[in-house]
Every structure is written in structure tokens, then in C-alpha cells.
Amino acid sequence: MKILAFSDLHHSMVRAEAIVEAAKVADLVIGAGDFCNMREGLPEAMGLLGGIKAPLVVVPGNAESEAELTGAAPAGCHVLHGRGIEINGVCLFGLGYGVPETPFGAWSCDLSEAKAAEMLSGCEAADIMVLHSPPKGVADQTSTGLSVGSVAIYEAIERVQPKLAFCGHIHDSWGESGMIRRTKVVNLGPFANWFEV
């Protein structure tokens, strides 16, 4: 299966157009959150992805809530947040939001480490984990060198050992990757990232 994955479009028309164009040859498209900015303009942002014909799986970022994303998602889009789905034999599990809580204020959709661990506990097996936040210590550094990823997400990846774990959220680490035992972790960014499963 040919998979196109991205994160953090933040309502960029140019980047969305490139994703939609690339998706013409994808078997599955995955979006790891932050489609809009600060909970504003989500219907319009999701509308930019309306041309995607392949199955589309998304998680909410910290810039949109699960309910908001479900309401704005195009027809046939699967919103995962603490649950999984199987598409053409590939098992996916998703968890969105900022983990741990961000310093961004009331608009940001965040989870505590404890709540994230609780929501991730239902994932017993997956080929791909789709996460908005990165795991602690992997593709999670800010421009000042701070490691701001999630311990709960790291522990879940280590326990489940999917083939791939996708994230975004930390813009300074876009394009970075690392390993948690056998799992490749990739901080995607708003680009056409290609994977085969």
C-alpha cells in the first residue's frame, strides 16, 4: 500500500494543493493534525483537501477539537482520537491534541500525560500509529533544543511496536525521524511524505 502522510497544514492553500495533487497516486492519505490555526477557519481548511479521492485518515491537532474536525471533515474521512480503524488490511490507531499540555492558552486542544496514557491504553496492536504530538526524545526538539514530546506516547509506541508512528506538532522538528525499538517515528510536516506498508 502506497501511503501519503502529512501534518500541520495550518490552512496553507499552496501546501494543501500540493498534497491533493500528490494524493492522486496514493492508496491511503494520513493527516496528523493542525489543519487550521487557533480553532479558526477549519471548514475552509478541510475544504482544501476535498479533492482527495483515496481513503483519508486524520487526527485532530491542538488547533482543532475532535468534534470540530469531525464536523468539518470531507465525506469518507475517518477521524481517529483514541480509537483505531482497519483500511485495506492496514490497522491504524490515532491520538490527536497537544501532549503534554502546551503553553498556548485556552484555544489549544491539549491532553495531560495521564489522559493520553488512558486513551492510548486501548491500542493493543497497530501497523501505523497516527499522533499529533511526538514521543519524548524523538523528533520533538524546539529551536532552543528543548525536548517537548510525550512520555505517554513514547511508552505506547514502545509497547505496541507499530511499523510506523507519524506525528507533527513541533515545527522545528519537521522532517526528523528516529527509532523506538523496531518502530520508525517520523515528524511529517506539511509535505508529501511517502511510505510503503
C-alpha atoms as a PDB file:
ATOM      1  CA  MET A   1       0.000   0.000   0.000  1.00  0.00           C
ATOM      2  CA  LYS A   2       1.322   3.419  -1.019  1.00  0.00           C
ATOM      3  CA  ILE A   3       0.722   5.913   1.794  1.00  0.00           C
ATOM      4  CA  LEU A   4       0.939   9.710   1.667  1.00  0.00           C
ATOM      5  CA  ALA A   5       1.248  11.347   5.096  1.00  0.00           C
ATOM      6  CA  PHE A   6       1.476  14.962   6.263  1.00  0.00           C
ATOM      7  CA  SER A   7       0.864  17.202   9.267  1.00  0.00           C
ATOM      8  CA  ASP A   8       0.469  20.867  10.203  1.00  0.00           C
ATOM      9  CA  LEU A   9      -1.049  22.346   7.042  1.00  0.00           C
ATOM     10  CA  HIS A  10      -2.284  25.321   9.094  1.00  0.00           C
ATOM     11  CA  HIS A  11      -4.695  26.409   6.346  1.00  0.00           C
ATOM     12  CA  SER A  12      -1.965  26.770   3.701  1.00  0.00           C
ATOM     13  CA  MET A  13      -3.614  26.709   0.293  1.00  0.00           C
ATOM     14  CA  VAL A  14      -0.318  26.151  -1.523  1.00  0.00           C
ATOM     15  CA  ARG A  15       0.669  23.192   0.636  1.00  0.00           C
ATOM     16  CA  ALA A  16      -2.840  21.703   0.519  1.00  0.00           C
ATOM     17  CA  GLU A  17      -2.861  21.895  -3.290  1.00  0.00           C
ATOM     18  CA  ALA A  18       0.445  20.012  -3.394  1.00  0.00           C
ATOM     19  CA  ILE A  19      -0.939  17.324  -1.061  1.00  0.00           C
ATOM     20  CA  VAL A  20      -4.112  16.902  -3.133  1.00  0.00           C
ATOM     21  CA  GLU A  21      -2.081  16.628  -6.337  1.00  0.00           C
ATOM     22  CA  ALA A  22       0.295  14.061  -4.814  1.00  0.00           C
ATOM     23  CA  ALA A  23      -2.643  12.087  -3.397  1.00  0.00           C
ATOM     24  CA  LYS A  24      -3.796  11.161  -6.910  1.00  0.00           C
ATOM     25  CA  VAL A  25      -1.430   8.165  -6.802  1.00  0.00           C
ATOM     26  CA  ALA A  26      -1.872   7.288  -3.098  1.00  0.00           C
ATOM     27  CA  ASP A  27      -3.757   4.267  -1.755  1.00  0.00           C
ATOM     28  CA  LEU A  28      -4.190   5.958   1.636  1.00  0.00           C
ATOM     29  CA  VAL A  29      -3.715   9.538   2.877  1.00  0.00           C
ATOM     30  CA  ILE A  30      -2.986  10.373   6.511  1.00  0.00           C
ATOM     31  CA  GLY A  31      -3.147  13.813   8.144  1.00  0.00           C
ATOM     32  CA  ALA A  32      -1.603  14.155  11.608  1.00  0.00           C
ATOM     33  CA  GLY A  33      -3.430  17.255  12.820  1.00  0.00           C
ATOM     34  CA  ASP A  34      -3.361  21.068  12.795  1.00  0.00           C
ATOM     35  CA  PHE A  35      -5.349  21.731   9.650  1.00  0.00           C
ATOM     36  CA  CYS A  36      -6.311  25.273  10.702  1.00  0.00           C
ATOM     37  CA  ASN A  37      -4.973  27.972  13.041  1.00  0.00           C
ATOM     38  CA  MET A  38      -6.111  28.536  16.636  1.00  0.00           C
ATOM     39  CA  ARG A  39      -9.532  26.865  16.089  1.00  0.00           C
ATOM     40  CA  GLU A  40     -10.420  29.256  13.246  1.00  0.00           C
ATOM     41  CA  GLY A  41     -11.250  28.536   9.607  1.00  0.00           C
ATOM     42  CA  LEU A  42     -11.397  24.750   9.933  1.00  0.00           C
ATOM     43  CA  PRO A  43     -14.247  24.140   7.442  1.00  0.00           C
ATOM     44  CA  GLU A  44     -12.364  26.143   4.818  1.00  0.00           C
ATOM     45  CA  ALA A  45      -9.075  24.403   5.657  1.00  0.00           C
ATOM     46  CA  MET A  46     -10.641  20.950   5.317  1.00  0.00           C
ATOM     47  CA  GLY A  47     -12.333  22.068   2.121  1.00  0.00           C
ATOM     48  CA  LEU A  48      -8.862  22.490   0.614  1.00  0.00           C
ATOM     49  CA  LEU A  49      -8.453  18.699   0.928  1.00  0.00           C
ATOM     50  CA  GLY A  50     -11.789  17.899  -0.704  1.00  0.00           C
ATOM     51  CA  GLY A  51     -10.113  16.730  -3.903  1.00  0.00           C
ATOM     52  CA  ILE A  52      -8.512  13.711  -2.222  1.00  0.00           C
ATOM     53  CA  LYS A  53     -10.129  10.534  -3.594  1.00  0.00           C
ATOM     54  CA  ALA A  54      -8.103   7.950  -1.629  1.00  0.00           C
ATOM     55  CA  PRO A  55      -9.236   6.967   1.877  1.00  0.00           C
ATOM     56  CA  LEU A  56      -8.290   9.781   4.280  1.00  0.00           C
ATOM     57  CA  VAL A  57      -7.443   9.210   7.964  1.00  0.00           C
ATOM     58  CA  VAL A  58      -6.868  12.209  10.243  1.00  0.00           C
ATOM     59  CA  VAL A  59      -6.335  13.065  13.905  1.00  0.00           C
ATOM     60  CA  PRO A  60      -7.108  16.439  15.483  1.00  0.00           C
ATOM     61  CA  GLY A  61      -4.158  18.650  16.270  1.00  0.00           C
ATOM     62  CA  ASN A  62      -4.108  21.136  19.085  1.00  0.00           C
ATOM     63  CA  ALA A  63      -5.515  23.738  16.653  1.00  0.00           C
ATOM     64  CA  GLU A  64      -8.881  21.933  16.295  1.00  0.00           C
ATOM     65  CA  SER A  65     -11.039  19.780  18.550  1.00  0.00           C
ATOM     66  CA  GLU A  66     -12.180  16.263  17.729  1.00  0.00           C
ATOM     67  CA  ALA A  67     -15.785  17.465  17.396  1.00  0.00           C
ATOM     68  CA  GLU A  68     -14.785  20.369  15.165  1.00  0.00           C
ATOM     69  CA  LEU A  69     -12.713  18.108  12.926  1.00  0.00           C
ATOM     70  CA  THR A  70     -15.467  15.503  12.672  1.00  0.00           C
ATOM     71  CA  GLY A  71     -17.917  18.226  11.655  1.00  0.00           C
ATOM     72  CA  ALA A  72     -15.613  19.731   9.034  1.00  0.00           C
ATOM     73  CA  ALA A  73     -14.088  16.552   7.574  1.00  0.00           C
ATOM     74  CA  PRO A  74     -14.904  15.741   3.938  1.00  0.00           C
ATOM     75  CA  ALA A  75     -17.181  12.821   3.151  1.00  0.00           C
ATOM     76  CA  GLY A  76     -15.457   9.479   3.684  1.00  0.00           C
ATOM     77  CA  CYS A  77     -12.802  10.908   6.003  1.00  0.00           C
ATOM     78  CA  HIS A  78     -12.042   8.915   9.170  1.00  0.00           C
ATOM     79  CA  VAL A  79     -11.296  10.960  12.312  1.00  0.00           C
ATOM     80  CA  LEU A  80      -9.346   8.987  14.933  1.00  0.00           C
ATOM     81  CA  HIS A  81      -8.826  10.164  18.505  1.00  0.00           C
ATOM     82  CA  GLY A  82      -8.294   7.354  20.970  1.00  0.00           C
ATOM     83  CA  ARG A  83      -9.502   4.699  18.572  1.00  0.00           C
ATOM     84  CA  GLY A  84      -8.415   2.611  15.616  1.00  0.00           C
ATOM     85  CA  ILE A  85      -9.576   1.513  12.188  1.00  0.00           C
ATOM     86  CA  GLU A  86      -8.569  -1.045   9.577  1.00  0.00           C
ATOM     87  CA  ILE A  87      -8.319   0.055   5.952  1.00  0.00           C
ATOM     88  CA  ASN A  88      -7.444  -2.481   3.259  1.00  0.00           C
ATOM     89  CA  GLY A  89      -5.744  -4.722   5.782  1.00  0.00           C
ATOM     90  CA  VAL A  90      -3.709  -1.956   7.445  1.00  0.00           C
ATOM     91  CA  CYS A  91      -4.513  -1.310  11.125  1.00  0.00           C
ATOM     92  CA  LEU A  92      -4.235   2.302  12.269  1.00  0.00           C
ATOM     93  CA  PHE A  93      -4.662   3.872  15.695  1.00  0.00           C
ATOM     94  CA  GLY A  94      -4.889   7.614  16.224  1.00  0.00           C
ATOM     95  CA  LEU A  95      -4.498  10.113  19.046  1.00  0.00           C
ATOM     96  CA  GLY A  96      -4.587  13.844  18.491  1.00  0.00           C
ATOM     97  CA  TYR A  97      -4.157  17.032  20.550  1.00  0.00           C
ATOM     98  CA  GLY A  98      -1.097  18.509  22.221  1.00  0.00           C
ATOM     99  CA  VAL A  99       0.525  16.132  24.722  1.00  0.00           C
ATOM    100  CA  PRO A 100       1.592  17.197  27.288  1.00  0.00           C
ATOM    101  CA  GLU A 101      -0.343  20.438  27.714  1.00  0.00           C
ATOM    102  CA  THR A 102       1.023  23.335  25.686  1.00  0.00           C
ATOM    103  CA  PRO A 103       1.628  26.912  26.904  1.00  0.00           C
ATOM    104  CA  PHE A 104      -0.614  28.318  24.169  1.00  0.00           C
ATOM    105  CA  GLY A 105      -3.700  29.073  26.253  1.00  0.00           C
ATOM    106  CA  ALA A 106      -7.413  28.324  26.127  1.00  0.00           C
ATOM    107  CA  TRP A 107      -7.691  27.865  22.366  1.00  0.00           C
ATOM    108  CA  SER A 108      -5.275  24.904  22.322  1.00  0.00           C
ATOM    109  CA  CYS A 109      -6.720  21.372  22.477  1.00  0.00           C
ATOM    110  CA  ASP A 110      -4.397  19.530  24.862  1.00  0.00           C
ATOM    111  CA  LEU A 111      -4.212  16.344  26.914  1.00  0.00           C
ATOM    112  CA  SER A 112      -2.349  15.601  30.119  1.00  0.00           C
ATOM    113  CA  GLU A 113       0.117  12.725  30.049  1.00  0.00           C
ATOM    114  CA  ALA A 114      -2.264  10.723  32.264  1.00  0.00           C
ATOM    115  CA  LYS A 115      -5.253  11.268  29.967  1.00  0.00           C
ATOM    116  CA  ALA A 116      -3.165  10.441  26.881  1.00  0.00           C
ATOM    117  CA  ALA A 117      -1.942   7.222  28.524  1.00  0.00           C
ATOM    118  CA  GLU A 118      -5.534   6.274  29.306  1.00  0.00           C
ATOM    119  CA  MET A 119      -6.658   6.883  25.714  1.00  0.00           C
ATOM    120  CA  LEU A 120      -3.659   5.006  24.300  1.00  0.00           C
ATOM    121  CA  SER A 121      -4.221   2.006  26.547  1.00  0.00           C
ATOM    122  CA  GLY A 122      -6.925   0.753  24.179  1.00  0.00           C
ATOM    123  CA  CYS A 123      -4.361   0.259  21.421  1.00  0.00           C
ATOM    124  CA  GLU A 124      -3.211  -3.347  21.579  1.00  0.00           C
ATOM    125  CA  ALA A 125      -1.854  -3.644  18.038  1.00  0.00           C
ATOM    126  CA  ALA A 126      -1.392  -1.374  15.009  1.00  0.00           C
ATOM    127  CA  ASP A 127       0.612  -1.186  11.819  1.00  0.00           C
ATOM    128  CA  ILE A 128       0.610   2.621  11.984  1.00  0.00           C
ATOM    129  CA  MET A 129       0.060   4.963  14.913  1.00  0.00           C
ATOM    130  CA  VAL A 130      -1.068   8.445  13.878  1.00  0.00           C
ATOM    131  CA  LEU A 131      -0.303  11.031  16.540  1.00  0.00           C
ATOM    132  CA  HIS A 132      -0.278  14.785  16.557  1.00  0.00           C
ATOM    133  CA  SER A 133       2.382  15.074  19.265  1.00  0.00           C
ATOM    134  CA  PRO A 134       5.768  13.371  19.035  1.00  0.00           C
ATOM    135  CA  PRO A 135       7.107  10.910  21.585  1.00  0.00           C
ATOM    136  CA  LYS A 136       9.511  12.220  24.223  1.00  0.00           C
ATOM    137  CA  GLY A 137      13.048  12.376  22.866  1.00  0.00           C
ATOM    138  CA  VAL A 138      12.282  11.609  19.199  1.00  0.00           C
ATOM    139  CA  ALA A 139      11.709  14.367  16.600  1.00  0.00           C
ATOM    140  CA  ASP A 140      10.452  16.617  19.407  1.00  0.00           C
ATOM    141  CA  GLN A 141      13.043  19.394  19.812  1.00  0.00           C
ATOM    142  CA  THR A 142      12.220  23.076  19.651  1.00  0.00           C
ATOM    143  CA  SER A 143      14.589  25.594  18.093  1.00  0.00           C
ATOM    144  CA  THR A 144      16.108  26.131  21.555  1.00  0.00           C
ATOM    145  CA  GLY A 145      16.867  22.420  21.934  1.00  0.00           C
ATOM    146  CA  LEU A 146      14.079  21.613  24.385  1.00  0.00           C
ATOM    147  CA  SER A 147      12.626  18.096  24.166  1.00  0.00           C
ATOM    148  CA  VAL A 148       8.872  18.651  24.465  1.00  0.00           C
ATOM    149  CA  GLY A 149       7.395  15.319  23.355  1.00  0.00           C
ATOM    150  CA  SER A 150       5.124  12.992  25.287  1.00  0.00           C
ATOM    151  CA  VAL A 151       6.218  10.250  27.667  1.00  0.00           C
ATOM    152  CA  ALA A 152       2.812   8.542  27.324  1.00  0.00           C
ATOM    153  CA  ILE A 153       3.147   8.465  23.540  1.00  0.00           C
ATOM    154  CA  TYR A 154       6.702   7.113  23.773  1.00  0.00           C
ATOM    155  CA  GLU A 155       5.570   4.342  26.114  1.00  0.00           C
ATOM    156  CA  ALA A 156       2.626   3.425  23.873  1.00  0.00           C
ATOM    157  CA  ILE A 157       4.846   3.186  20.790  1.00  0.00           C
ATOM    158  CA  GLU A 158       7.363   1.101  22.716  1.00  0.00           C
ATOM    159  CA  ARG A 159       4.580  -1.232  23.895  1.00  0.00           C
ATOM    160  CA  VAL A 160       2.667  -1.597  20.603  1.00  0.00           C
ATOM    161  CA  GLN A 161       5.661  -1.532  18.217  1.00  0.00           C
ATOM    162  CA  PRO A 162       3.846  -0.463  15.046  1.00  0.00           C
ATOM    163  CA  LYS A 163       5.803  -0.396  11.804  1.00  0.00           C
ATOM    164  CA  LEU A 164       5.409   3.385  11.642  1.00  0.00           C
ATOM    165  CA  ALA A 165       4.450   6.186  14.021  1.00  0.00           C
ATOM    166  CA  PHE A 166       3.562   9.541  12.452  1.00  0.00           C
ATOM    167  CA  CYS A 167       3.497  12.868  14.293  1.00  0.00           C
ATOM    168  CA  GLY A 168       3.850  16.614  13.749  1.00  0.00           C
ATOM    169  CA  HIS A 169       3.169  19.491  16.173  1.00  0.00           C
ATOM    170  CA  ILE A 170       6.792  20.580  16.757  1.00  0.00           C
ATOM    171  CA  HIS A 171       7.540  22.626  13.647  1.00  0.00           C
ATOM    172  CA  ASP A 172      11.264  22.860  14.347  1.00  0.00           C
ATOM    173  CA  SER A 173      11.484  19.066  14.017  1.00  0.00           C
ATOM    174  CA  TRP A 174       9.592  18.679  10.729  1.00  0.00           C
ATOM    175  CA  GLY A 175      11.310  16.057   8.595  1.00  0.00           C
ATOM    176  CA  GLU A 176      13.144  14.462  11.516  1.00  0.00           C
ATOM    177  CA  SER A 177      12.824  10.777  12.317  1.00  0.00           C
ATOM    178  CA  GLY A 178      14.100   8.217  14.779  1.00  0.00           C
ATOM    179  CA  MET A 179      13.540   4.707  16.052  1.00  0.00           C
ATOM    180  CA  ILE A 180      11.793   3.325  19.129  1.00  0.00           C
ATOM    181  CA  ARG A 181      12.987  -0.261  19.001  1.00  0.00           C
ATOM    182  CA  ARG A 182      11.544  -1.535  15.670  1.00  0.00           C
ATOM    183  CA  THR A 183       9.224   1.436  15.075  1.00  0.00           C
ATOM    184  CA  LYS A 184      10.199   4.272  12.750  1.00  0.00           C
ATOM    185  CA  VAL A 185       8.902   7.600  14.084  1.00  0.00           C
ATOM    186  CA  VAL A 186       8.539  10.490  11.610  1.00  0.00           C
ATOM    187  CA  ASN A 187       7.653  14.127  12.306  1.00  0.00           C
ATOM    188  CA  LEU A 188       5.933  14.724   8.981  1.00  0.00           C
ATOM    189  CA  GLY A 189       5.389  18.444   8.418  1.00  0.00           C
ATOM    190  CA  PRO A 190       3.193  19.872   5.641  1.00  0.00           C
ATOM    191  CA  PHE A 191       4.846  17.930   2.844  1.00  0.00           C
ATOM    192  CA  ALA A 192       4.130  14.841   0.750  1.00  0.00           C
ATOM    193  CA  ASN A 193       5.853  12.108   2.753  1.00  0.00           C
ATOM    194  CA  TRP A 194       5.667   8.674   1.112  1.00  0.00           C
ATOM    195  CA  PHE A 195       5.651   5.264   2.797  1.00  0.00           C
ATOM    196  CA  GLU A 196       5.011   1.676   1.719  1.00  0.00           C
ATOM    197  CA  VAL A 197       3.260  -0.784   4.017  1.00  0.00           C
END
